[in-house]
Amino acid sequence: DISVRNPQQLRDALGLDCLGELPAIPRRWGGFGRCDEVARAPGSPFGRSIRGIKAAVGIAALDRPIRFVGVTSVSPGEGKSMLAGNLATAWAMSGARTLLIDADAEHSVFSKPAQHDAGGERTGKGPEWTGQIRAHPGQAFDILSSGTVERYDLLAAGHAQETFACLGGHEMVIVDLPPFTSGNHGVAAAAQLDGVVIAVEWGRTSQDALAEQIRALVAARAPVPGVVLTKVRKSSNDRLRRRARRTPR
């Protein structure tokens, strides 16, 4: 079994930090939390983990502020959108005006409800596409839909830096990037971000596939502060607690 199952594997095999472990949620489809689980159940192990991951991302680069954060994964279904939504929710809950950019048109979980939301009027400031930024229905953060991202080619090479420069009205921007298996079209945008967090499904994602994705991001000079393990069924924290209880005092 060469799948990733604990933070030590990430450090020893890939030299990556584990920013946090999100537990699988019983009786929930796929074992994933909802995209605003941190707001619905802030005191749960999942909610506490999200807040810990937010803090870890925030201090990943002490020499500069973290404002533009991408979330990606090796393949679809590993929980990257769930992670992106919860991080956006957590930052919005802390008082920061937060925008989530849905850059994964092929596997979008955010854009469909936002497309029917009213609003998005031009303010006279910035290019035309900025009028498509809307409040996400039922959520604390704003959304820029995948349709708008594709229509204006906002995250293509040569455009991403200009796109991010037009988002001065938001204090935090989370980008839900495509998975690595969908192609390299998300790598160009990744290079313009302050950090790219990789969602890795516990017991499913192989170390080899993850290493290949890391090489592509490093080649593109995209900063990778670390990895988040999702759907974790045996937390390393649980093992440490059991070990501590067995240690003579």
C-alpha atoms as a PDB file:
ATOM      1  CA  ASP A   1       0.000   0.000   0.000  1.00  0.00           C
ATOM      2  CA  ILE A   2       1.699   3.183  -1.198  1.00  0.00           C
ATOM      3  CA  SER A   3      -1.203   5.484  -0.364  1.00  0.00           C
ATOM      4  CA  VAL A   4      -0.703   8.435   1.957  1.00  0.00           C
ATOM      5  CA  ARG A   5      -1.948   7.707   5.478  1.00  0.00           C
ATOM      6  CA  ASN A   6      -0.028   9.894   7.911  1.00  0.00           C
ATOM      7  CA  PRO A   7       1.986  13.130   8.123  1.00  0.00           C
ATOM      8  CA  GLN A   8       5.267  11.262   8.612  1.00  0.00           C
ATOM      9  CA  GLN A   9       4.979   9.763   5.117  1.00  0.00           C
ATOM     10  CA  LEU A  10       4.603  13.258   3.701  1.00  0.00           C
ATOM     11  CA  ARG A  11       7.678  14.526   5.527  1.00  0.00           C
ATOM     12  CA  ASP A  12       9.910  11.498   4.884  1.00  0.00           C
ATOM     13  CA  ALA A  13       8.988  10.722   1.265  1.00  0.00           C
ATOM     14  CA  LEU A  14       8.087  14.158  -0.103  1.00  0.00           C
ATOM     15  CA  GLY A  15       9.481  16.726   2.329  1.00  0.00           C
ATOM     16  CA  LEU A  16       6.031  18.254   2.797  1.00  0.00           C
ATOM     17  CA  ASP A  17       4.343  19.544   5.924  1.00  0.00           C
ATOM     18  CA  CYS A  18       0.886  18.279   6.867  1.00  0.00           C
ATOM     19  CA  LEU A  19      -1.217  21.349   7.630  1.00  0.00           C
ATOM     20  CA  GLY A  20      -4.011  19.300   9.168  1.00  0.00           C
ATOM     21  CA  GLU A  21      -6.132  16.155   9.127  1.00  0.00           C
ATOM     22  CA  LEU A  22      -9.858  16.377   8.362  1.00  0.00           C
ATOM     23  CA  PRO A  23     -11.768  13.431   9.823  1.00  0.00           C
ATOM     24  CA  ALA A  24     -14.259  11.443   7.795  1.00  0.00           C
ATOM     25  CA  ILE A  25     -17.806  12.278   8.853  1.00  0.00           C
ATOM     26  CA  PRO A  26     -19.973   9.187   9.478  1.00  0.00           C
ATOM     27  CA  ARG A  27     -23.353   8.911   7.738  1.00  0.00           C
ATOM     28  CA  ARG A  28     -22.416  11.695   5.327  1.00  0.00           C
ATOM     29  CA  TRP A  29     -22.243  10.996   1.602  1.00  0.00           C
ATOM     30  CA  GLY A  30     -18.664  10.063   0.736  1.00  0.00           C
ATOM     31  CA  GLY A  31     -17.566  10.798   4.301  1.00  0.00           C
ATOM     32  CA  PHE A  32     -16.960  14.445   3.410  1.00  0.00           C
ATOM     33  CA  GLY A  33     -18.062  17.458   5.384  1.00  0.00           C
ATOM     34  CA  ARG A  34     -20.265  20.109   3.816  1.00  0.00           C
ATOM     35  CA  CYS A  35     -18.607  23.142   2.244  1.00  0.00           C
ATOM     36  CA  ASP A  36     -19.575  25.226   5.287  1.00  0.00           C
ATOM     37  CA  GLU A  37     -19.152  22.525   7.924  1.00  0.00           C
ATOM     38  CA  VAL A  38     -16.961  24.819  10.033  1.00  0.00           C
ATOM     39  CA  ALA A  39     -19.919  27.212  10.424  1.00  0.00           C
ATOM     40  CA  ARG A  40     -22.537  24.503  10.971  1.00  0.00           C
ATOM     41  CA  ALA A  41     -20.495  22.575  13.549  1.00  0.00           C
ATOM     42  CA  PRO A  42     -17.712  24.871  14.793  1.00  0.00           C
ATOM     43  CA  GLY A  43     -17.023  22.781  17.893  1.00  0.00           C
ATOM     44  CA  SER A  44     -16.737  19.464  16.072  1.00  0.00           C
ATOM     45  CA  PRO A  45     -13.370  17.765  15.367  1.00  0.00           C
ATOM     46  CA  PHE A  46     -13.857  18.776  11.721  1.00  0.00           C
ATOM     47  CA  GLY A  47     -14.510  22.419  12.610  1.00  0.00           C
ATOM     48  CA  ARG A  48     -11.515  22.564  14.927  1.00  0.00           C
ATOM     49  CA  SER A  49      -9.308  21.025  12.228  1.00  0.00           C
ATOM     50  CA  ILE A  50     -10.390  23.627   9.674  1.00  0.00           C
ATOM     51  CA  ARG A  51      -9.513  26.454  12.040  1.00  0.00           C
ATOM     52  CA  GLY A  52      -6.123  24.834  12.670  1.00  0.00           C
ATOM     53  CA  ILE A  53      -5.502  24.552   8.920  1.00  0.00           C
ATOM     54  CA  LYS A  54      -6.483  28.206   8.448  1.00  0.00           C
ATOM     55  CA  ALA A  55      -3.955  29.200  11.108  1.00  0.00           C
ATOM     56  CA  ALA A  56      -1.255  27.000   9.567  1.00  0.00           C
ATOM     57  CA  VAL A  57      -1.817  28.529   6.118  1.00  0.00           C
ATOM     58  CA  GLY A  58      -1.764  32.021   7.589  1.00  0.00           C
ATOM     59  CA  ILE A  59       1.703  31.557   9.107  1.00  0.00           C
ATOM     60  CA  ALA A  60       3.151  29.480   6.257  1.00  0.00           C
ATOM     61  CA  ALA A  61       5.131  32.454   4.960  1.00  0.00           C
ATOM     62  CA  LEU A  62       6.118  34.681   7.849  1.00  0.00           C
ATOM     63  CA  ASP A  63       7.999  37.071   5.573  1.00  0.00           C
ATOM     64  CA  ARG A  64       4.863  38.159   3.703  1.00  0.00           C
ATOM     65  CA  PRO A  65       1.081  38.142   4.172  1.00  0.00           C
ATOM     66  CA  ILE A  66      -0.944  35.284   2.718  1.00  0.00           C
ATOM     67  CA  ARG A  67      -3.885  36.604   0.699  1.00  0.00           C
ATOM     68  CA  PHE A  68      -4.289  34.424  -2.423  1.00  0.00           C
ATOM     69  CA  VAL A  69      -4.539  30.708  -1.626  1.00  0.00           C
ATOM     70  CA  GLY A  70      -5.219  27.920  -4.112  1.00  0.00           C
ATOM     71  CA  VAL A  71      -6.597  24.489  -3.241  1.00  0.00           C
ATOM     72  CA  THR A  72      -6.019  21.527  -5.534  1.00  0.00           C
ATOM     73  CA  SER A  73      -5.718  17.727  -5.487  1.00  0.00           C
ATOM     74  CA  VAL A  74      -4.274  14.917  -7.545  1.00  0.00           C
ATOM     75  CA  SER A  75      -7.649  13.678  -8.800  1.00  0.00           C
ATOM     76  CA  PRO A  76     -11.362  14.582  -8.463  1.00  0.00           C
ATOM     77  CA  GLY A  77     -13.277  13.517  -5.380  1.00  0.00           C
ATOM     78  CA  GLU A  78     -10.516  14.004  -2.817  1.00  0.00           C
ATOM     79  CA  GLY A  79     -12.251  16.872  -1.035  1.00  0.00           C
ATOM     80  CA  LYS A  80     -10.482  19.934  -2.426  1.00  0.00           C
ATOM     81  CA  SER A  81     -13.710  21.884  -3.044  1.00  0.00           C
ATOM     82  CA  MET A  82     -14.977  20.970   0.404  1.00  0.00           C
ATOM     83  CA  LEU A  83     -11.669  22.204   1.841  1.00  0.00           C
ATOM     84  CA  ALA A  84     -11.757  25.404  -0.253  1.00  0.00           C
ATOM     85  CA  GLY A  85     -15.318  26.184   0.831  1.00  0.00           C
ATOM     86  CA  ASN A  86     -14.567  25.642   4.504  1.00  0.00           C
ATOM     87  CA  LEU A  87     -11.430  27.769   4.357  1.00  0.00           C
ATOM     88  CA  ALA A  88     -13.410  30.557   2.673  1.00  0.00           C
ATOM     89  CA  THR A  89     -16.086  30.205   5.353  1.00  0.00           C
ATOM     90  CA  ALA A  90     -13.513  30.256   8.160  1.00  0.00           C
ATOM     91  CA  TRP A  91     -11.875  33.428   6.858  1.00  0.00           C
ATOM     92  CA  ALA A  92     -15.249  35.084   6.353  1.00  0.00           C
ATOM     93  CA  MET A  93     -16.242  34.130   9.913  1.00  0.00           C
ATOM     94  CA  SER A  94     -13.098  35.862  11.169  1.00  0.00           C
ATOM     95  CA  GLY A  95     -14.319  39.140   9.647  1.00  0.00           C
ATOM     96  CA  ALA A  96     -12.332  39.178   6.400  1.00  0.00           C
ATOM     97  CA  ARG A  97     -14.215  39.944   3.194  1.00  0.00           C
ATOM     98  CA  THR A  98     -13.579  36.703   1.343  1.00  0.00           C
ATOM     99  CA  LEU A  99     -13.901  35.660  -2.300  1.00  0.00           C
ATOM    100  CA  LEU A 100     -13.924  32.100  -3.602  1.00  0.00           C
ATOM    101  CA  ILE A 101     -12.921  31.740  -7.259  1.00  0.00           C
ATOM    102  CA  ASP A 102     -14.342  28.586  -8.819  1.00  0.00           C
ATOM    103  CA  ALA A 103     -11.656  27.678 -11.345  1.00  0.00           C
ATOM    104  CA  ASP A 104     -12.699  24.024 -11.782  1.00  0.00           C
ATOM    105  CA  ALA A 105     -15.432  24.125 -14.428  1.00  0.00           C
ATOM    106  CA  GLU A 106     -15.291  20.372 -15.041  1.00  0.00           C
ATOM    107  CA  HIS A 107     -16.064  19.443 -11.410  1.00  0.00           C
ATOM    108  CA  SER A 108     -17.716  22.615 -10.102  1.00  0.00           C
ATOM    109  CA  VAL A 109     -19.664  22.429  -6.841  1.00  0.00           C
ATOM    110  CA  PHE A 110     -20.048  26.189  -6.306  1.00  0.00           C
ATOM    111  CA  SER A 111     -21.089  27.863  -9.545  1.00  0.00           C
ATOM    112  CA  LYS A 112     -24.542  26.423 -10.210  1.00  0.00           C
ATOM    113  CA  PRO A 113     -26.339  28.082  -7.285  1.00  0.00           C
ATOM    114  CA  ALA A 114     -24.360  31.301  -7.716  1.00  0.00           C
ATOM    115  CA  GLN A 115     -25.394  31.625 -11.373  1.00  0.00           C
ATOM    116  CA  HIS A 116     -29.026  32.210 -10.306  1.00  0.00           C
ATOM    117  CA  ASP A 117     -28.179  34.729  -7.623  1.00  0.00           C
ATOM    118  CA  ALA A 118     -29.244  38.322  -8.199  1.00  0.00           C
ATOM    119  CA  GLY A 119     -26.751  41.144  -8.167  1.00  0.00           C
ATOM    120  CA  GLY A 120     -23.422  41.594  -9.830  1.00  0.00           C
ATOM    121  CA  GLU A 121     -23.985  45.161 -11.046  1.00  0.00           C
ATOM    122  CA  ARG A 122     -21.131  47.188 -12.452  1.00  0.00           C
ATOM    123  CA  THR A 123     -19.606  49.668 -10.034  1.00  0.00           C
ATOM    124  CA  GLY A 124     -17.553  51.520 -12.608  1.00  0.00           C
ATOM    125  CA  LYS A 125     -14.373  50.263 -10.970  1.00  0.00           C
ATOM    126  CA  GLY A 126     -12.330  47.546 -12.632  1.00  0.00           C
ATOM    127  CA  PRO A 127     -12.955  45.512 -15.787  1.00  0.00           C
ATOM    128  CA  GLU A 128     -16.319  44.113 -16.882  1.00  0.00           C
ATOM    129  CA  TRP A 129     -15.922  40.677 -15.270  1.00  0.00           C
ATOM    130  CA  THR A 130     -15.675  42.148 -11.748  1.00  0.00           C
ATOM    131  CA  GLY A 131     -19.428  42.814 -11.982  1.00  0.00           C
ATOM    132  CA  GLN A 132     -19.943  39.045 -11.938  1.00  0.00           C
ATOM    133  CA  ILE A 133     -18.631  38.682  -8.372  1.00  0.00           C
ATOM    134  CA  ARG A 134     -21.684  37.837  -6.297  1.00  0.00           C
ATOM    135  CA  ALA A 135     -22.670  36.821  -2.806  1.00  0.00           C
ATOM    136  CA  HIS A 136     -22.882  33.043  -2.640  1.00  0.00           C
ATOM    137  CA  PRO A 137     -26.405  31.974  -1.608  1.00  0.00           C
ATOM    138  CA  GLY A 138     -26.505  31.007   2.043  1.00  0.00           C
ATOM    139  CA  GLN A 139     -22.758  31.499   2.553  1.00  0.00           C
ATOM    140  CA  ALA A 140     -20.608  34.192   4.130  1.00  0.00           C
ATOM    141  CA  PHE A 141     -18.254  34.562   1.167  1.00  0.00           C
ATOM    142  CA  ASP A 142     -18.530  35.937  -2.372  1.00  0.00           C
ATOM    143  CA  ILE A 143     -18.146  33.762  -5.466  1.00  0.00           C
ATOM    144  CA  LEU A 144     -16.680  34.207  -8.944  1.00  0.00           C
ATOM    145  CA  SER A 145     -18.208  31.438 -11.012  1.00  0.00           C
ATOM    146  CA  SER A 146     -16.332  29.022 -13.233  1.00  0.00           C
ATOM    147  CA  GLY A 147     -18.361  30.274 -16.217  1.00  0.00           C
ATOM    148  CA  THR A 148     -17.003  33.793 -15.749  1.00  0.00           C
ATOM    149  CA  VAL A 149     -13.461  32.497 -15.198  1.00  0.00           C
ATOM    150  CA  GLU A 150     -13.634  30.563 -18.482  1.00  0.00           C
ATOM    151  CA  ARG A 151     -15.471  33.227 -20.478  1.00  0.00           C
ATOM    152  CA  TYR A 152     -12.863  35.890 -19.718  1.00  0.00           C
ATOM    153  CA  ASP A 153      -9.928  33.452 -19.547  1.00  0.00           C
ATOM    154  CA  LEU A 154      -9.061  34.975 -16.182  1.00  0.00           C
ATOM    155  CA  LEU A 155      -6.524  32.440 -14.934  1.00  0.00           C
ATOM    156  CA  ALA A 156      -4.659  31.677 -18.142  1.00  0.00           C
ATOM    157  CA  ALA A 157      -0.928  32.298 -18.375  1.00  0.00           C
ATOM    158  CA  GLY A 158      -0.380  36.026 -18.656  1.00  0.00           C
ATOM    159  CA  HIS A 159      -3.847  36.879 -17.306  1.00  0.00           C
ATOM    160  CA  ALA A 160      -3.779  35.553 -13.755  1.00  0.00           C
ATOM    161  CA  GLN A 161      -1.582  38.301 -12.315  1.00  0.00           C
ATOM    162  CA  GLU A 162      -3.792  41.007 -13.816  1.00  0.00           C
ATOM    163  CA  THR A 163      -6.905  39.220 -12.530  1.00  0.00           C
ATOM    164  CA  PHE A 164      -5.643  39.092  -8.953  1.00  0.00           C
ATOM    165  CA  ALA A 165      -4.625  42.768  -9.124  1.00  0.00           C
ATOM    166  CA  CYS A 166      -8.295  43.684  -9.704  1.00  0.00           C
ATOM    167  CA  LEU A 167      -9.491  42.068  -6.465  1.00  0.00           C
ATOM    168  CA  GLY A 168      -8.510  44.801  -4.040  1.00  0.00           C
ATOM    169  CA  GLY A 169     -11.978  44.785  -2.470  1.00  0.00           C
ATOM    170  CA  HIS A 170     -11.384  41.370  -0.912  1.00  0.00           C
ATOM    171  CA  GLU A 171      -9.009  40.702   1.958  1.00  0.00           C
ATOM    172  CA  MET A 172      -8.821  36.942   1.296  1.00  0.00           C
ATOM    173  CA  VAL A 173      -9.141  35.047  -1.992  1.00  0.00           C
ATOM    174  CA  ILE A 174      -9.474  31.248  -2.147  1.00  0.00           C
ATOM    175  CA  VAL A 175      -9.101  29.621  -5.578  1.00  0.00           C
ATOM    176  CA  ASP A 176     -10.635  26.179  -6.137  1.00  0.00           C
ATOM    177  CA  LEU A 177      -8.155  24.929  -8.760  1.00  0.00           C
ATOM    178  CA  PRO A 178      -8.695  21.943 -11.092  1.00  0.00           C
ATOM    179  CA  PRO A 179      -7.253  18.579 -10.012  1.00  0.00           C
ATOM    180  CA  PHE A 180      -3.889  17.580 -11.460  1.00  0.00           C
ATOM    181  CA  THR A 181      -5.419  14.801 -13.580  1.00  0.00           C
ATOM    182  CA  SER A 182      -7.516  17.381 -15.448  1.00  0.00           C
ATOM    183  CA  GLY A 183      -4.382  18.820 -17.066  1.00  0.00           C
ATOM    184  CA  ASN A 184      -1.902  21.609 -16.428  1.00  0.00           C
ATOM    185  CA  HIS A 185      -4.263  24.531 -17.041  1.00  0.00           C
ATOM    186  CA  GLY A 186      -4.390  25.274 -13.324  1.00  0.00           C
ATOM    187  CA  VAL A 187      -0.622  25.447 -12.923  1.00  0.00           C
ATOM    188  CA  ALA A 188      -0.291  28.872 -14.569  1.00  0.00           C
ATOM    189  CA  ALA A 189      -2.592  30.408 -11.980  1.00  0.00           C
ATOM    190  CA  ALA A 190      -0.876  28.501  -9.164  1.00  0.00           C
ATOM    191  CA  ALA A 191       2.387  30.288  -9.868  1.00  0.00           C
ATOM    192  CA  GLN A 192       0.709  33.654  -9.134  1.00  0.00           C
ATOM    193  CA  LEU A 193      -0.705  32.585  -5.756  1.00  0.00           C
ATOM    194  CA  ASP A 194       0.774  33.088  -2.296  1.00  0.00           C
ATOM    195  CA  GLY A 195       0.336  29.384  -1.598  1.00  0.00           C
ATOM    196  CA  VAL A 196      -1.185  26.198  -3.001  1.00  0.00           C
ATOM    197  CA  VAL A 197      -2.640  23.671  -0.556  1.00  0.00           C
ATOM    198  CA  ILE A 198      -3.068  20.100  -1.780  1.00  0.00           C
ATOM    199  CA  ALA A 199      -6.013  18.013  -0.549  1.00  0.00           C
ATOM    200  CA  VAL A 200      -4.960  14.367  -0.243  1.00  0.00           C
ATOM    201  CA  GLU A 201      -7.514  11.675   0.491  1.00  0.00           C
ATOM    202  CA  TRP A 202      -6.352   9.404   3.305  1.00  0.00           C
ATOM    203  CA  GLY A 203      -5.733   5.852   2.135  1.00  0.00           C
ATOM    204  CA  ARG A 204      -6.459   6.643  -1.535  1.00  0.00           C
ATOM    205  CA  THR A 205      -3.943   9.075  -3.021  1.00  0.00           C
ATOM    206  CA  SER A 206      -0.679   7.374  -3.959  1.00  0.00           C
ATOM    207  CA  GLN A 207       2.666   8.847  -2.981  1.00  0.00           C
ATOM    208  CA  ASP A 208       3.883   8.550  -6.586  1.00  0.00           C
ATOM    209  CA  ALA A 209       0.952  10.551  -8.008  1.00  0.00           C
ATOM    210  CA  LEU A 210       1.359  13.191  -5.324  1.00  0.00           C
ATOM    211  CA  ALA A 211       5.100  13.427  -5.986  1.00  0.00           C
ATOM    212  CA  GLU A 212       4.378  13.992  -9.692  1.00  0.00           C
ATOM    213  CA  GLN A 213       2.002  16.829  -8.884  1.00  0.00           C
ATOM    214  CA  ILE A 214       4.528  18.404  -6.528  1.00  0.00           C
ATOM    215  CA  ARG A 215       7.204  18.302  -9.257  1.00  0.00           C
ATOM    216  CA  ALA A 216       4.858  20.110 -11.665  1.00  0.00           C
ATOM    217  CA  LEU A 217       4.054  22.815  -9.106  1.00  0.00           C
ATOM    218  CA  VAL A 218       7.710  23.290  -8.174  1.00  0.00           C
ATOM    219  CA  ALA A 219       8.640  23.541 -11.863  1.00  0.00           C
ATOM    220  CA  ALA A 220       6.027  26.291 -12.216  1.00  0.00           C
ATOM    221  CA  ARG A 221       7.494  28.031  -9.118  1.00  0.00           C
ATOM    222  CA  ALA A 222       4.216  27.702  -7.252  1.00  0.00           C
ATOM    223  CA  PRO A 223       4.658  27.892  -3.454  1.00  0.00           C
ATOM    224  CA  VAL A 224       3.292  24.817  -1.646  1.00  0.00           C
ATOM    225  CA  PRO A 225       2.964  25.397   2.122  1.00  0.00           C
ATOM    226  CA  GLY A 226       1.727  21.856   2.696  1.00  0.00           C
ATOM    227  CA  VAL A 227      -0.884  19.149   2.404  1.00  0.00           C
ATOM    228  CA  VAL A 228      -4.237  18.507   4.094  1.00  0.00           C
ATOM    229  CA  LEU A 229      -5.291  14.912   4.634  1.00  0.00           C
ATOM    230  CA  THR A 230      -9.034  14.419   4.052  1.00  0.00           C
ATOM    231  CA  LYS A 231     -11.462  11.674   5.129  1.00  0.00           C
ATOM    232  CA  VAL A 232      -8.982  10.548   7.783  1.00  0.00           C
ATOM    233  CA  ARG A 233     -10.152   7.441   9.657  1.00  0.00           C
ATOM    234  CA  LYS A 234      -7.109   6.969  11.886  1.00  0.00           C
ATOM    235  CA  SER A 235      -5.712  10.322  12.955  1.00  0.00           C
ATOM    236  CA  SER A 236      -2.048  10.661  13.887  1.00  0.00           C
ATOM    237  CA  ASN A 237      -3.223  12.758  16.858  1.00  0.00           C
ATOM    238  CA  ASP A 238      -5.190   9.770  18.149  1.00  0.00           C
ATOM    239  CA  ARG A 239      -2.085   7.602  17.924  1.00  0.00           C
ATOM    240  CA  LEU A 240      -0.042  10.199  19.800  1.00  0.00           C
ATOM    241  CA  ARG A 241      -2.650  10.412  22.554  1.00  0.00           C
ATOM    242  CA  ARG A 242      -2.732   6.620  22.946  1.00  0.00           C
ATOM    243  CA  ARG A 243       1.052   6.532  23.074  1.00  0.00           C
ATOM    244  CA  ALA A 244       1.095   9.301  25.710  1.00  0.00           C
ATOM    245  CA  ARG A 245      -1.348   7.365  27.895  1.00  0.00           C
ATOM    246  CA  ARG A 246       0.947   4.314  27.795  1.00  0.00           C
ATOM    247  CA  THR A 247       4.068   6.327  28.689  1.00  0.00           C
ATOM    248  CA  PRO A 248       5.042   6.004  32.382  1.00  0.00           C
ATOM    249  CA  ARG A 249       4.745   9.277  34.276  1.00  0.00           C
END
